[in-house]
C-alpha atoms as a PDB file:
ATOM      1  CA  MET A   1      82.671  83.296 117.181  1.00  0.00           C
ATOM      2  CA  LEU A   2      86.459  83.055 117.310  1.00  0.00           C
ATOM      3  CA  GLN A   3      86.437  83.686 121.046  1.00  0.00           C
ATOM      4  CA  ALA A   4      83.806  80.993 121.580  1.00  0.00           C
ATOM      5  CA  LEU A   5      85.912  78.450 119.691  1.00  0.00           C
ATOM      6  CA  ALA A   6      89.196  79.453 121.328  1.00  0.00           C
ATOM      7  CA  LEU A   7      87.804  79.251 124.862  1.00  0.00           C
ATOM      8  CA  SER A   8      86.020  75.942 124.326  1.00  0.00           C
ATOM      9  CA  ASP A   9      87.619  72.701 125.514  1.00  0.00           C
ATOM     10  CA  ARG A  10      85.891  70.665 122.788  1.00  0.00           C
ATOM     11  CA  PRO A  11      84.702  70.999 119.157  1.00  0.00           C
ATOM     12  CA  ARG A  12      81.401  72.860 118.784  1.00  0.00           C
ATOM     13  CA  GLY A  13      78.459  72.414 116.432  1.00  0.00           C
ATOM     14  CA  VAL A  14      76.840  75.123 114.301  1.00  0.00           C
ATOM     15  CA  THR A  15      73.484  75.050 116.090  1.00  0.00           C
ATOM     16  CA  GLU A  16      75.114  75.169 119.521  1.00  0.00           C
ATOM     17  CA  LEU A  17      77.341  78.094 118.580  1.00  0.00           C
ATOM     18  CA  GLY A  18      74.489  79.999 116.972  1.00  0.00           C
ATOM     19  CA  ARG A  19      72.388  79.602 120.120  1.00  0.00           C
ATOM     20  CA  GLU A  20      75.256  80.743 122.358  1.00  0.00           C
ATOM     21  CA  LEU A  21      75.983  83.834 120.261  1.00  0.00           C
ATOM     22  CA  GLY A  22      72.372  84.717 119.563  1.00  0.00           C
ATOM     23  CA  VAL A  23      72.619  84.388 115.777  1.00  0.00           C
ATOM     24  CA  THR A  24      70.750  82.230 113.291  1.00  0.00           C
ATOM     25  CA  LYS A  25      72.148  78.886 112.227  1.00  0.00           C
ATOM     26  CA  SER A  26      72.814  80.208 108.715  1.00  0.00           C
ATOM     27  CA  ASN A  27      74.745  83.216 110.059  1.00  0.00           C
ATOM     28  CA  ALA A  28      76.722  81.000 112.426  1.00  0.00           C
ATOM     29  CA  HIS A  29      77.604  78.741 109.505  1.00  0.00           C
ATOM     30  CA  ARG A  30      78.669  81.733 107.405  1.00  0.00           C
ATOM     31  CA  LEU A  31      80.934  83.023 110.183  1.00  0.00           C
ATOM     32  CA  LEU A  32      82.475  79.589 110.650  1.00  0.00           C
ATOM     33  CA  LYS A  33      83.156  79.250 106.926  1.00  0.00           C
ATOM     34  CA  THR A  34      84.959  82.608 107.045  1.00  0.00           C
ATOM     35  CA  LEU A  35      87.108  81.459 109.964  1.00  0.00           C
ATOM     36  CA  VAL A  36      87.918  78.168 108.231  1.00  0.00           C
ATOM     37  CA  HIS A  37      88.839  80.008 105.027  1.00  0.00           C
ATOM     38  CA  SER A  38      91.177  82.346 106.922  1.00  0.00           C
ATOM     39  CA  GLY A  39      92.787  79.453 108.798  1.00  0.00           C
ATOM     40  CA  PHE A  40      91.529  80.284 112.303  1.00  0.00           C
ATOM     41  CA  ALA A  41      89.111  77.339 112.544  1.00  0.00           C
ATOM     42  CA  GLN A  42      88.929  73.783 111.296  1.00  0.00           C
ATOM     43  CA  ASN A  43      85.930  71.612 110.484  1.00  0.00           C
ATOM     44  CA  ASN A  44      85.649  67.975 111.484  1.00  0.00           C
ATOM     45  CA  ALA A  45      83.560  66.922 108.514  1.00  0.00           C
ATOM     46  CA  ASP A  46      82.470  63.600 110.061  1.00  0.00           C
ATOM     47  CA  ALA A  47      81.155  65.136 113.271  1.00  0.00           C
ATOM     48  CA  GLY A  48      80.102  68.427 111.703  1.00  0.00           C
ATOM     49  CA  LYS A  49      81.819  70.364 114.466  1.00  0.00           C
ATOM     50  CA  TYR A  50      84.373  73.152 114.551  1.00  0.00           C
ATOM     51  CA  SER A  51      87.398  74.027 116.667  1.00  0.00           C
ATOM     52  CA  ALA A  52      90.034  76.768 116.746  1.00  0.00           C
ATOM     53  CA  THR A  53      93.419  76.146 115.110  1.00  0.00           C
ATOM     54  CA  LEU A  54      96.918  76.982 116.285  1.00  0.00           C
ATOM     55  CA  LYS A  55      96.806  80.107 114.130  1.00  0.00           C
ATOM     56  CA  VAL A  56      95.015  81.729 117.075  1.00  0.00           C
ATOM     57  CA  TRP A  57      98.011  80.916 119.275  1.00  0.00           C
ATOM     58  CA  GLU A  58     100.437  82.161 116.622  1.00  0.00           C
ATOM     59  CA  LEU A  59      98.591  85.464 116.397  1.00  0.00           C
ATOM     60  CA  GLY A  60      98.535  85.817 120.167  1.00  0.00           C
ATOM     61  CA  SER A  61     102.237  84.970 120.396  1.00  0.00           C
ATOM     62  CA  HIS A  62     103.015  87.675 117.853  1.00  0.00           C
ATOM     63  CA  VAL A  63     101.098  90.295 119.842  1.00  0.00           C
ATOM     64  CA  LEU A  64     102.640  89.087 123.102  1.00  0.00           C
ATOM     65  CA  SER A  65     106.130  89.431 121.659  1.00  0.00           C
ATOM     66  CA  ARG A  66     105.424  93.034 120.688  1.00  0.00           C
ATOM     67  CA  VAL A  67     104.351  93.756 124.252  1.00  0.00           C
ATOM     68  CA  ASP A  68     107.225  91.833 125.843  1.00  0.00           C
ATOM     69  CA  VAL A  69     109.982  93.266 123.658  1.00  0.00           C
ATOM     70  CA  LYS A  70     110.188  96.466 125.706  1.00  0.00           C
ATOM     71  CA  ASN A  71     110.163  94.553 128.992  1.00  0.00           C
ATOM     72  CA  VAL A  72     113.066  92.257 128.067  1.00  0.00           C
ATOM     73  CA  SER A  73     115.261  94.806 126.305  1.00  0.00           C
ATOM     74  CA  GLY A  74     115.889  97.508 128.918  1.00  0.00           C
ATOM     75  CA  ALA A  75     119.294  96.386 130.210  1.00  0.00           C
ATOM     76  CA  LEU A  76     120.416  95.414 126.707  1.00  0.00           C
ATOM     77  CA  LEU A  77     119.560  98.852 125.352  1.00  0.00           C
ATOM     78  CA  GLN A  78     121.572 100.454 128.135  1.00  0.00           C
ATOM     79  CA  ALA A  79     124.519  98.187 127.382  1.00  0.00           C
ATOM     80  CA  LEU A  80     124.343  99.180 123.715  1.00  0.00           C
ATOM     81  CA  ALA A  81     124.307 102.860 124.647  1.00  0.00           C
ATOM     82  CA  ASP A  82     127.305 102.355 126.927  1.00  0.00           C
ATOM     83  CA  LYS A  83     129.274 100.502 124.243  1.00  0.00           C
ATOM     84  CA  THR A  84     128.579 102.899 121.363  1.00  0.00           C
ATOM     85  CA  GLY A  85     128.160 106.244 123.122  1.00  0.00           C
ATOM     86  CA  GLU A  86     125.186 107.050 120.882  1.00  0.00           C
ATOM     87  CA  SER A  87     121.420 107.309 121.333  1.00  0.00           C
ATOM     88  CA  VAL A  88     119.581 103.983 121.213  1.00  0.00           C
ATOM     89  CA  HIS A  89     116.070 103.366 119.883  1.00  0.00           C
ATOM     90  CA  LEU A  90     113.672 100.440 120.088  1.00  0.00           C
ATOM     91  CA  SER A  91     111.074 100.622 117.319  1.00  0.00           C
ATOM     92  CA  LEU A  92     107.928  98.927 116.057  1.00  0.00           C
ATOM     93  CA  LEU A  93     106.384  99.155 112.595  1.00  0.00           C
ATOM     94  CA  SER A  94     102.941 100.715 112.247  1.00  0.00           C
ATOM     95  CA  GLU A  95     101.322 101.326 108.845  1.00  0.00           C
ATOM     96  CA  GLY A  96     104.535 102.193 107.045  1.00  0.00           C
ATOM     97  CA  SER A  97     106.051 104.200 109.877  1.00  0.00           C
ATOM     98  CA  VAL A  98     108.230 103.345 112.842  1.00  0.00           C
ATOM     99  CA  VAL A  99     107.134 104.181 116.368  1.00  0.00           C
ATOM    100  CA  TYR A 100     109.767 104.537 119.083  1.00  0.00           C
ATOM    101  CA  ILE A 101     108.661 102.556 122.143  1.00  0.00           C
ATOM    102  CA  ASP A 102     111.851 103.028 124.136  1.00  0.00           C
ATOM    103  CA  LYS A 103     115.057 105.028 123.883  1.00  0.00           C
ATOM    104  CA  ILE A 104     118.218 105.940 125.726  1.00  0.00           C
ATOM    105  CA  ASP A 105     119.760 109.309 124.979  1.00  0.00           C
ATOM    106  CA  SER A 106     123.452 109.650 124.296  1.00  0.00           C
ATOM    107  CA  VAL A 107     125.530 111.346 126.982  1.00  0.00           C
ATOM    108  CA  GLN A 108     127.205 113.368 124.230  1.00  0.00           C
ATOM    109  CA  PRO A 109     126.315 117.103 124.237  1.00  0.00           C
ATOM    110  CA  VAL A 110     125.297 116.842 120.563  1.00  0.00           C
ATOM    111  CA  ARG A 111     122.936 113.932 119.949  1.00  0.00           C
ATOM    112  CA  ALA A 112     119.982 112.733 117.906  1.00  0.00           C
ATOM    113  CA  TYR A 113     116.599 114.026 119.100  1.00  0.00           C
ATOM    114  CA  SER A 114     113.540 111.779 119.325  1.00  0.00           C
ATOM    115  CA  GLN A 115     110.451 111.146 121.444  1.00  0.00           C
ATOM    116  CA  ILE A 116     108.924 107.887 122.684  1.00  0.00           C
ATOM    117  CA  GLY A 117     105.581 107.406 120.958  1.00  0.00           C
ATOM    118  CA  LYS A 118     106.697 109.443 117.971  1.00  0.00           C
ATOM    119  CA  GLY A 119     108.254 108.070 114.823  1.00  0.00           C
ATOM    120  CA  ALA A 120     109.253 108.553 111.228  1.00  0.00           C
ATOM    121  CA  PRO A 121     108.570 107.111 107.770  1.00  0.00           C
ATOM    122  CA  ALA A 122     110.044 103.618 107.902  1.00  0.00           C
ATOM    123  CA  TYR A 123     111.969 103.954 104.636  1.00  0.00           C
ATOM    124  CA  CYS A 124     113.876 106.977 105.969  1.00  0.00           C
ATOM    125  CA  VAL A 125     115.415 105.588 109.165  1.00  0.00           C
ATOM    126  CA  ALA A 126     117.602 102.613 110.039  1.00  0.00           C
ATOM    127  CA  THR A 127     115.170 100.847 112.382  1.00  0.00           C
ATOM    128  CA  GLY A 128     112.445 101.303 109.791  1.00  0.00           C
ATOM    129  CA  LYS A 129     114.522  99.769 107.016  1.00  0.00           C
ATOM    130  CA  ALA A 130     115.471  96.863 109.299  1.00  0.00           C
ATOM    131  CA  LEU A 131     111.754  96.194 109.789  1.00  0.00           C
ATOM    132  CA  LEU A 132     110.660  96.846 106.202  1.00  0.00           C
ATOM    133  CA  ALA A 133     113.239  94.478 104.743  1.00  0.00           C
ATOM    134  CA  HIS A 134     111.380  91.551 106.306  1.00  0.00           C
ATOM    135  CA  GLN A 135     107.819  92.515 105.386  1.00  0.00           C
ATOM    136  CA  SER A 136     105.782  90.933 102.609  1.00  0.00           C
ATOM    137  CA  PRO A 137     106.575  91.886  98.990  1.00  0.00           C
ATOM    138  CA  GLU A 138     103.039  93.255  98.711  1.00  0.00           C
ATOM    139  CA  MET A 139     103.490  95.567 101.695  1.00  0.00           C
ATOM    140  CA  ILE A 140     106.845  96.820 100.405  1.00  0.00           C
ATOM    141  CA  ALA A 141     105.438  97.378  96.901  1.00  0.00           C
ATOM    142  CA  SER A 142     102.550  99.374  98.341  1.00  0.00           C
ATOM    143  CA  LEU A 143     104.936 101.569 100.337  1.00  0.00           C
ATOM    144  CA  CYS A 144     107.102 102.138  97.250  1.00  0.00           C
ATOM    145  CA  GLU A 145     104.149 103.891  95.624  1.00  0.00           C
ATOM    146  CA  ARG A 146     104.200 106.750  98.130  1.00  0.00           C
ATOM    147  CA  LEU A 147     107.818 107.712  98.722  1.00  0.00           C
ATOM    148  CA  GLU A 148     108.420 111.358  99.575  1.00  0.00           C
ATOM    149  CA  ALA A 149     111.637 113.303 100.031  1.00  0.00           C
ATOM    150  CA  HIS A 150     112.456 114.600 103.528  1.00  0.00           C
ATOM    151  CA  THR A 151     116.105 115.450 102.878  1.00  0.00           C
ATOM    152  CA  SER A 152     118.327 115.511  99.824  1.00  0.00           C
ATOM    153  CA  ARG A 153     119.334 111.922 100.651  1.00  0.00           C
ATOM    154  CA  THR A 154     115.876 110.366 101.060  1.00  0.00           C
ATOM    155  CA  ILE A 155     115.330 107.364  98.804  1.00  0.00           C
ATOM    156  CA  THR A 156     112.354 108.238  96.614  1.00  0.00           C
ATOM    157  CA  ASN A 157     112.912 105.754  93.784  1.00  0.00           C
ATOM    158  CA  ALA A 158     111.052 102.466  94.234  1.00  0.00           C
ATOM    159  CA  ALA A 159     113.715 100.328  92.546  1.00  0.00           C
ATOM    160  CA  GLU A 160     116.445 101.929  94.649  1.00  0.00           C
ATOM    161  CA  LEU A 161     114.519 101.249  97.859  1.00  0.00           C
ATOM    162  CA  GLN A 162     113.987  97.633  96.836  1.00  0.00           C
ATOM    163  CA  ARG A 163     117.759  97.293  96.311  1.00  0.00           C
ATOM    164  CA  GLU A 164     118.414  98.948  99.655  1.00  0.00           C
ATOM    165  CA  LEU A 165     116.119  96.508 101.469  1.00  0.00           C
ATOM    166  CA  ALA A 166     117.757  93.579  99.687  1.00  0.00           C
ATOM    167  CA  ARG A 167     121.118  94.815 101.033  1.00  0.00           C
ATOM    168  CA  VAL A 168     119.635  94.947 104.531  1.00  0.00           C
ATOM    169  CA  ARG A 169     118.600  91.308 104.276  1.00  0.00           C
ATOM    170  CA  GLN A 170     122.036  90.369 102.964  1.00  0.00           C
ATOM    171  CA  LEU A 171     124.099  92.357 105.470  1.00  0.00           C
ATOM    172  CA  GLY A 172     121.932  91.777 108.542  1.00  0.00           C
ATOM    173  CA  TYR A 173     121.625  95.472 109.369  1.00  0.00           C
ATOM    174  CA  ALA A 174     120.283  98.745 107.962  1.00  0.00           C
ATOM    175  CA  VAL A 175     121.836 102.194 107.642  1.00  0.00           C
ATOM    176  CA  ASN A 176     120.334 105.677 107.592  1.00  0.00           C
ATOM    177  CA  ARG A 177     122.550 108.213 105.849  1.00  0.00           C
ATOM    178  CA  GLY A 178     120.708 111.387 106.833  1.00  0.00           C
ATOM    179  CA  GLU A 179     117.525 110.423 104.978  1.00  0.00           C
ATOM    180  CA  TRP A 180     115.001 111.618 107.588  1.00  0.00           C
ATOM    181  CA  ARG A 181     116.809 114.543 109.190  1.00  0.00           C
ATOM    182  CA  GLU A 182     119.799 116.306 107.664  1.00  0.00           C
ATOM    183  CA  GLY A 183     123.006 115.333 109.424  1.00  0.00           C
ATOM    184  CA  VAL A 184     121.501 112.503 111.516  1.00  0.00           C
ATOM    185  CA  CYS A 185     122.602 108.947 110.711  1.00  0.00           C
ATOM    186  CA  GLY A 186     122.025 105.525 112.213  1.00  0.00           C
ATOM    187  CA  VAL A 187     122.510 101.759 112.203  1.00  0.00           C
ATOM    188  CA  ALA A 188     119.839  99.187 113.153  1.00  0.00           C
ATOM    189  CA  ALA A 189     119.114  95.456 113.179  1.00  0.00           C
ATOM    190  CA  PRO A 190     115.874  93.434 113.292  1.00  0.00           C
ATOM    191  CA  ILE A 191     114.484  91.657 116.357  1.00  0.00           C
ATOM    192  CA  ARG A 192     112.703  88.307 115.926  1.00  0.00           C
ATOM    193  CA  ASP A 193     110.142  86.543 118.081  1.00  0.00           C
ATOM    194  CA  VAL A 194     109.637  82.888 118.976  1.00  0.00           C
ATOM    195  CA  LEU A 195     108.000  82.283 115.574  1.00  0.00           C
ATOM    196  CA  HIS A 196     111.031  83.850 113.793  1.00  0.00           C
ATOM    197  CA  ASN A 197     108.947  86.859 112.713  1.00  0.00           C
ATOM    198  CA  VAL A 198     110.649  90.274 112.668  1.00  0.00           C
ATOM    199  CA  ILE A 199     108.569  92.243 115.150  1.00  0.00           C
ATOM    200  CA  ALA A 200     110.835  95.140 116.203  1.00  0.00           C
ATOM    201  CA  ALA A 201     114.202  96.750 115.556  1.00  0.00           C
ATOM    202  CA  VAL A 202     116.967  98.246 117.664  1.00  0.00           C
ATOM    203  CA  GLY A 203     119.417 100.854 116.486  1.00  0.00           C
ATOM    204  CA  ILE A 204     121.769 103.671 117.325  1.00  0.00           C
ATOM    205  CA  SER A 205     121.712 107.162 115.886  1.00  0.00           C
ATOM    206  CA  GLY A 206     123.718 110.332 116.151  1.00  0.00           C
ATOM    207  CA  PRO A 207     125.132 113.305 114.258  1.00  0.00           C
ATOM    208  CA  GLU A 208     126.894 112.654 110.978  1.00  0.00           C
ATOM    209  CA  SER A 209     130.061 114.185 112.416  1.00  0.00           C
ATOM    210  CA  ARG A 210     130.400 111.059 114.579  1.00  0.00           C
ATOM    211  CA  MET A 211     128.382 108.536 112.572  1.00  0.00           C
ATOM    212  CA  LYS A 212     130.876 108.249 109.730  1.00  0.00           C
ATOM    213  CA  PRO A 213     130.539 105.237 107.360  1.00  0.00           C
ATOM    214  CA  ALA A 214     133.555 103.520 108.963  1.00  0.00           C
ATOM    215  CA  PHE A 215     132.118 104.026 112.457  1.00  0.00           C
ATOM    216  CA  MET A 216     128.741 102.617 111.431  1.00  0.00           C
ATOM    217  CA  ARG A 217     130.391  99.547 109.895  1.00  0.00           C
ATOM    218  CA  GLU A 218     132.375  99.116 113.087  1.00  0.00           C
ATOM    219  CA  GLN A 219     129.272  99.351 115.301  1.00  0.00           C
ATOM    220  CA  ALA A 220     127.016  97.176 113.129  1.00  0.00           C
ATOM    221  CA  PRO A 221     128.108  93.875 114.783  1.00  0.00           C
ATOM    222  CA  VAL A 222     127.414  95.397 118.224  1.00  0.00           C
ATOM    223  CA  VAL A 223     123.912  96.441 117.146  1.00  0.00           C
ATOM    224  CA  ILE A 224     123.260  93.018 115.596  1.00  0.00           C
ATOM    225  CA  GLU A 225     124.425  91.303 118.775  1.00  0.00           C
ATOM    226  CA  THR A 226     121.990  93.394 120.825  1.00  0.00           C
ATOM    227  CA  ALA A 227     119.132  92.524 118.467  1.00  0.00           C
ATOM    228  CA  GLU A 228     120.122  88.867 118.723  1.00  0.00           C
ATOM    229  CA  LEU A 229     120.132  88.924 122.527  1.00  0.00           C
ATOM    230  CA  ILE A 230     116.694  90.569 122.635  1.00  0.00           C
ATOM    231  CA  SER A 231     115.408  88.013 120.129  1.00  0.00           C
ATOM    232  CA  ARG A 232     116.726  85.148 122.273  1.00  0.00           C
ATOM    233  CA  ALA A 233     115.007  86.647 125.312  1.00  0.00           C
ATOM    234  CA  LEU A 234     111.739  86.542 123.333  1.00  0.00           C
ATOM    235  CA  GLY A 235     112.211  82.848 122.570  1.00  0.00           C
ATOM    236  CA  TYR A 236     113.844  83.054 119.142  1.00  0.00           C
ATOM    237  CA  SER A 237     115.956  79.963 118.542  1.00  0.00           C
ATOM    238  CA  GLY A 238     117.131  80.354 114.954  1.00  0.00           C
ATOM    239  CA  GLU A 239     120.602  80.912 113.574  1.00  0.00           C
ATOM    240  CA  ALA A 240     122.447  84.094 114.406  1.00  0.00           C
ATOM    241  CA  ALA A 241     121.909  86.883 111.882  1.00  0.00           C
ATOM    242  CA  PRO A 242     124.762  87.574 109.454  1.00  0.00           C
ATOM    243  CA  CYS A 243     126.871  90.689 109.547  1.00  0.00           C
ATOM    244  CA  ARG A 244     128.649  91.303 106.282  1.00  0.00           C
ATOM    245  CA  LYS A 245     130.816  94.287 105.508  1.00  0.00           C
ATOM    246  CA  ILE A 246     129.673  96.893 103.033  1.00  0.00           C
ATOM    247  CA  ALA A 247     132.201  97.087 100.264  1.00  0.00           C
END
């Protein structure tokens, strides 16, 4: 039904749509009411006809941004790796976990290990926190109900995680202090699409021996700048993200 409305160049009536889709008029009307209720269709009460809304375009734009983010970020990821000397990751959020869709390994002999297509619990890594901080309160609350320890530093207290995500929003970047793998730390920032939605995150990671707190604070603006440049390439036109020092 949604496809029929989206592909049509004019508003459609219930009987016409039912005939096209091979469903009864009552079932067609029920489906249309569901689409109207969810915001994907609108009803012209006078004419008794329906058409798709811009929410269809918004949804498509969101998906397109997720696909395009890897295509537009390649050179910027390499530049970030060159500037910081550490491994770089590009991540998406999937059901409470991050999935690495691209990476550049550090040239250092000792470096963080990861695989494209693999991931980690979002609350344990920097790119995951950068993504989680901008999700709905309901999604964050649901995740807070199933926190598990992976190292001695993993945040397993719901209130503490909520405070951590609030700091991410305030500072403009997220930090992993060895919360997923012992001795592996990272810094990450969120990437926004044309609709200003946070749809990905970029970050650097490496061994704790190099990723000292002072070094991560020093590199945070570089990571944020990379996220900003990727966001701009995706059509984001909002204000630059803040980068505030951790006291």
